[in-house]
Each structure stands twice: as C-alpha cells, then as structure tokens.
Amino acid sequence: MKIALGFSLVFLLVAIFPGCSATKNTALNISEEEKTAFTQSDGQQDTVLLSSDATEYELIIIEPGFNTWLQGVARPKGFYSQSFLERRNLFYVNAWNQRTLSPQRYDPMLYQMQIDYDSRIDYGYDLNFKLYNYFIYFQRKYRQRLGPFTPRI
C-alpha cells in the first residue's frame, strides 16, 4: 500500500510539473522579424532620449535594437490609452526596482539601475508609450517575466 501511494504521488508530480514549464516556455512566439530587430543596431539611433523642461523629466533608453523594434514590431502610437500605459508602467517599474534590489537573485547585468517613476506625475503619452514598449521589448528579448502579464505585441 505504501509503495503504491508513493508511486502515485511521484507520477502525479512528474505529470504536473513538466506541463507547467512547457506552458511558460511556449507562451512567447517570437517571429523571425522580431529576432532580427533584437540584433540590429542603428548606431546613434540606439539611444532613445525624451526630456521636457516643463515637467523636469528625462527618459534615456540605451539598448541596441530597441529603436528598430519600436518602429517595426511594436504596436503603433494610439493603440493603447495613456491610462493603460500608466497602470502597466507602474506595475513594471515596481517589479523592475524590486529586481535591482536583489542582485543575488536576478542578473545584475540586466537590472542595473532603479527607475524613478511617480504615478502622481503626468509624464505624457510619449514617455509612457516608449517606457511600456521598452518593458515589452526587454521581456521578450531577454525572456524575463516582470509579472503575470504575457509580454505580447
């Protein structure tokens, strides 16, 4: 009786866990076009800079391939509302900042600096759009998950 129960438990665990990992790995369908965008470099265009004297903010994204991906693969401006982008950005920033504080658990080469993002400040559509798309790009390129949302385009 004990042997049969032990075998059933092991069989159940083996049947459940491979199914969970398979679902996680197949959730991202990255096209050849997107893989190409990840590796392309535009030289000076690899740096995305947004700044405004009126609100005293600055967003600098230095990532080879991001600008190419943003222009060729990402959803166009206007696809998402500003309120949607703000909610997702707040969620992603919190997850990102938690990872920068845990270099022993998360790759410190991926999560190098914290992001100062205040939900009470209106950064405008353009900054929220580019920040959100950077989070999607980052998750897809480096196969990271910053939360329960599947990073889709």
Protein backbone atom coordinates (compact mmCIF):
# COMPACT_ATOMS: atom_id res chain seq x y z
CA MET A 1 0.00 0.00 0.00
CA LYS A 2 2.79 2.47 0.87
CA ILE A 3 4.66 1.67 -2.35
CA ALA A 4 1.56 2.24 -4.47
CA LEU A 5 0.83 5.57 -2.73
CA GLY A 6 4.46 6.72 -3.19
CA PHE A 7 4.41 5.75 -6.86
CA SER A 8 1.11 7.58 -7.40
CA LEU A 9 2.47 10.74 -5.74
CA VAL A 10 5.68 10.68 -7.83
CA PHE A 11 3.68 10.05 -11.00
CA LEU A 12 1.33 12.92 -10.17
CA LEU A 13 4.23 15.33 -9.55
CA VAL A 14 6.01 14.30 -12.75
CA ALA A 15 2.77 14.71 -14.71
CA ILE A 16 2.04 18.18 -13.29
CA PHE A 17 5.42 19.96 -13.31
CA PRO A 18 6.52 19.33 -16.90
CA GLY A 19 3.14 20.64 -18.04
CA CYS A 20 3.65 23.88 -16.13
CA SER A 21 7.08 24.58 -17.57
CA ALA A 22 6.02 23.76 -21.12
CA THR A 23 3.22 26.32 -20.97
CA LYS A 24 5.60 29.00 -19.71
CA ASN A 25 8.20 28.39 -22.44
CA THR A 26 5.75 28.35 -25.35
CA ALA A 27 3.88 31.50 -24.30
CA LEU A 28 6.19 33.77 -26.31
CA ASN A 29 6.02 33.32 -30.04
CA ILE A 30 8.87 35.45 -31.34
CA SER A 31 8.89 35.88 -35.11
CA GLU A 32 12.00 35.96 -37.27
CA GLU A 33 11.34 39.66 -37.93
CA GLU A 34 11.38 40.34 -34.19
CA LYS A 35 14.55 38.28 -33.66
CA THR A 36 16.22 40.30 -36.40
CA ALA A 37 15.12 43.58 -34.77
CA PHE A 38 16.65 42.43 -31.46
CA THR A 39 20.07 42.17 -33.07
CA GLN A 40 20.03 45.22 -35.35
CA SER A 41 21.89 48.32 -34.30
CA ASP A 42 21.21 51.79 -35.67
CA GLY A 43 24.36 53.38 -34.26
CA GLN A 44 23.21 56.74 -32.88
CA GLN A 45 19.59 55.56 -33.00
CA ASP A 46 20.31 53.00 -30.26
CA THR A 47 19.74 55.76 -27.70
CA VAL A 48 16.17 56.96 -27.18
CA LEU A 49 16.05 60.28 -25.32
CA LEU A 50 12.92 62.05 -24.12
CA SER A 51 13.08 65.16 -21.99
CA SER A 52 10.91 68.10 -21.04
CA ASP A 53 11.77 71.27 -19.18
CA ALA A 54 8.13 71.79 -18.21
CA THR A 55 7.87 68.57 -16.18
CA GLU A 56 11.58 68.15 -15.45
CA TYR A 57 11.77 64.51 -16.52
CA GLU A 58 14.13 62.61 -18.74
CA LEU A 59 13.93 59.11 -20.17
CA ILE A 60 17.07 57.63 -21.68
CA ILE A 61 16.96 54.13 -23.17
CA ILE A 62 20.27 52.80 -24.43
CA GLU A 63 19.57 49.40 -25.93
CA PRO A 64 20.82 48.15 -29.30
CA GLY A 65 17.87 47.13 -31.45
CA PHE A 66 15.16 48.82 -29.37
CA ASN A 67 14.52 51.68 -31.77
CA THR A 68 14.34 49.27 -34.73
CA TRP A 69 11.96 47.03 -32.76
CA LEU A 70 9.84 50.03 -31.68
CA GLN A 71 9.42 51.25 -35.24
CA GLY A 72 8.96 47.88 -36.94
CA VAL A 73 7.43 45.42 -34.49
CA ALA A 74 5.68 47.24 -31.62
CA ARG A 75 2.08 48.40 -31.74
CA PRO A 76 1.75 51.93 -33.14
CA LYS A 77 1.14 55.04 -31.06
CA GLY A 78 -2.52 55.38 -30.19
CA PHE A 79 -3.08 51.62 -29.90
CA TYR A 80 -3.08 51.82 -26.09
CA SER A 81 -4.64 54.55 -23.97
CA GLN A 82 -2.44 56.64 -21.71
CA SER A 83 -4.21 55.30 -18.60
CA PHE A 84 -3.48 51.71 -19.69
CA LEU A 85 0.19 52.56 -20.27
CA GLU A 86 0.47 54.33 -16.89
CA ARG A 87 -1.03 51.37 -15.00
CA ARG A 88 1.23 48.84 -16.71
CA ASN A 89 4.30 51.04 -16.35
CA LEU A 90 3.70 51.45 -12.63
CA PHE A 91 3.42 47.68 -12.27
CA TYR A 92 6.53 47.00 -14.38
CA VAL A 93 8.59 49.72 -12.65
CA ASN A 94 7.80 48.23 -9.24
CA ALA A 95 8.81 44.74 -10.40
CA TRP A 96 11.95 46.13 -12.06
CA ASN A 97 13.00 48.07 -8.96
CA GLN A 98 12.50 45.03 -6.74
CA ARG A 99 14.84 43.09 -9.02
CA THR A 100 17.52 45.77 -8.89
CA LEU A 101 17.48 45.40 -5.11
CA SER A 102 18.04 41.62 -5.37
CA PRO A 103 21.26 41.17 -7.40
CA GLN A 104 21.88 37.78 -5.80
CA ARG A 105 18.57 36.52 -7.20
CA TYR A 106 18.29 38.39 -10.51
CA ASP A 107 21.02 39.08 -13.06
CA PRO A 108 22.58 42.41 -12.04
CA MET A 109 23.71 42.93 -15.64
CA LEU A 110 20.05 43.08 -16.72
CA TYR A 111 18.72 45.09 -13.79
CA GLN A 112 21.42 47.72 -13.28
CA MET A 113 19.55 50.87 -12.20
CA GLN A 114 16.31 51.67 -10.48
CA ILE A 115 13.65 53.63 -12.36
CA ASP A 116 12.20 56.73 -10.70
CA TYR A 117 8.56 56.71 -11.82
CA ASP A 118 5.90 58.53 -9.81
CA SER A 119 2.28 57.65 -10.62
CA ARG A 120 1.17 61.13 -9.46
CA ILE A 121 3.12 62.83 -12.27
CA ASP A 122 1.68 63.13 -15.77
CA TYR A 123 4.65 62.21 -17.96
CA GLY A 124 2.59 62.40 -21.12
CA TYR A 125 1.70 59.81 -23.70
CA ASP A 126 5.05 59.68 -25.50
CA LEU A 127 7.14 58.81 -22.45
CA ASN A 128 4.63 56.23 -21.20
CA PHE A 129 4.40 54.70 -24.66
CA LYS A 130 8.17 54.30 -25.02
CA LEU A 131 8.67 53.09 -21.45
CA TYR A 132 5.91 50.49 -21.78
CA ASN A 133 7.31 49.27 -25.07
CA TYR A 134 10.78 49.05 -23.59
CA PHE A 135 9.42 46.75 -20.88
CA ILE A 136 7.77 44.57 -23.54
CA TYR A 137 10.96 44.56 -25.65
CA PHE A 138 13.10 43.72 -22.62
CA GLN A 139 10.88 40.84 -21.51
CA ARG A 140 10.72 39.34 -24.97
CA LYS A 141 14.40 39.76 -25.85
CA TYR A 142 15.80 38.51 -22.54
CA ARG A 143 12.98 36.06 -21.80
CA GLN A 144 12.12 37.68 -18.48
CA ARG A 145 8.72 37.98 -16.84
CA LEU A 146 8.06 41.14 -14.85
CA GLY A 147 4.67 39.93 -13.69
CA PRO A 148 1.67 37.84 -14.57
CA PHE A 149 1.09 39.54 -17.94
CA THR A 150 2.42 37.79 -21.02
CA PRO A 151 4.55 40.38 -22.85
CA ARG A 152 2.70 40.46 -26.18
CA ILE A 153 2.85 42.75 -29.15
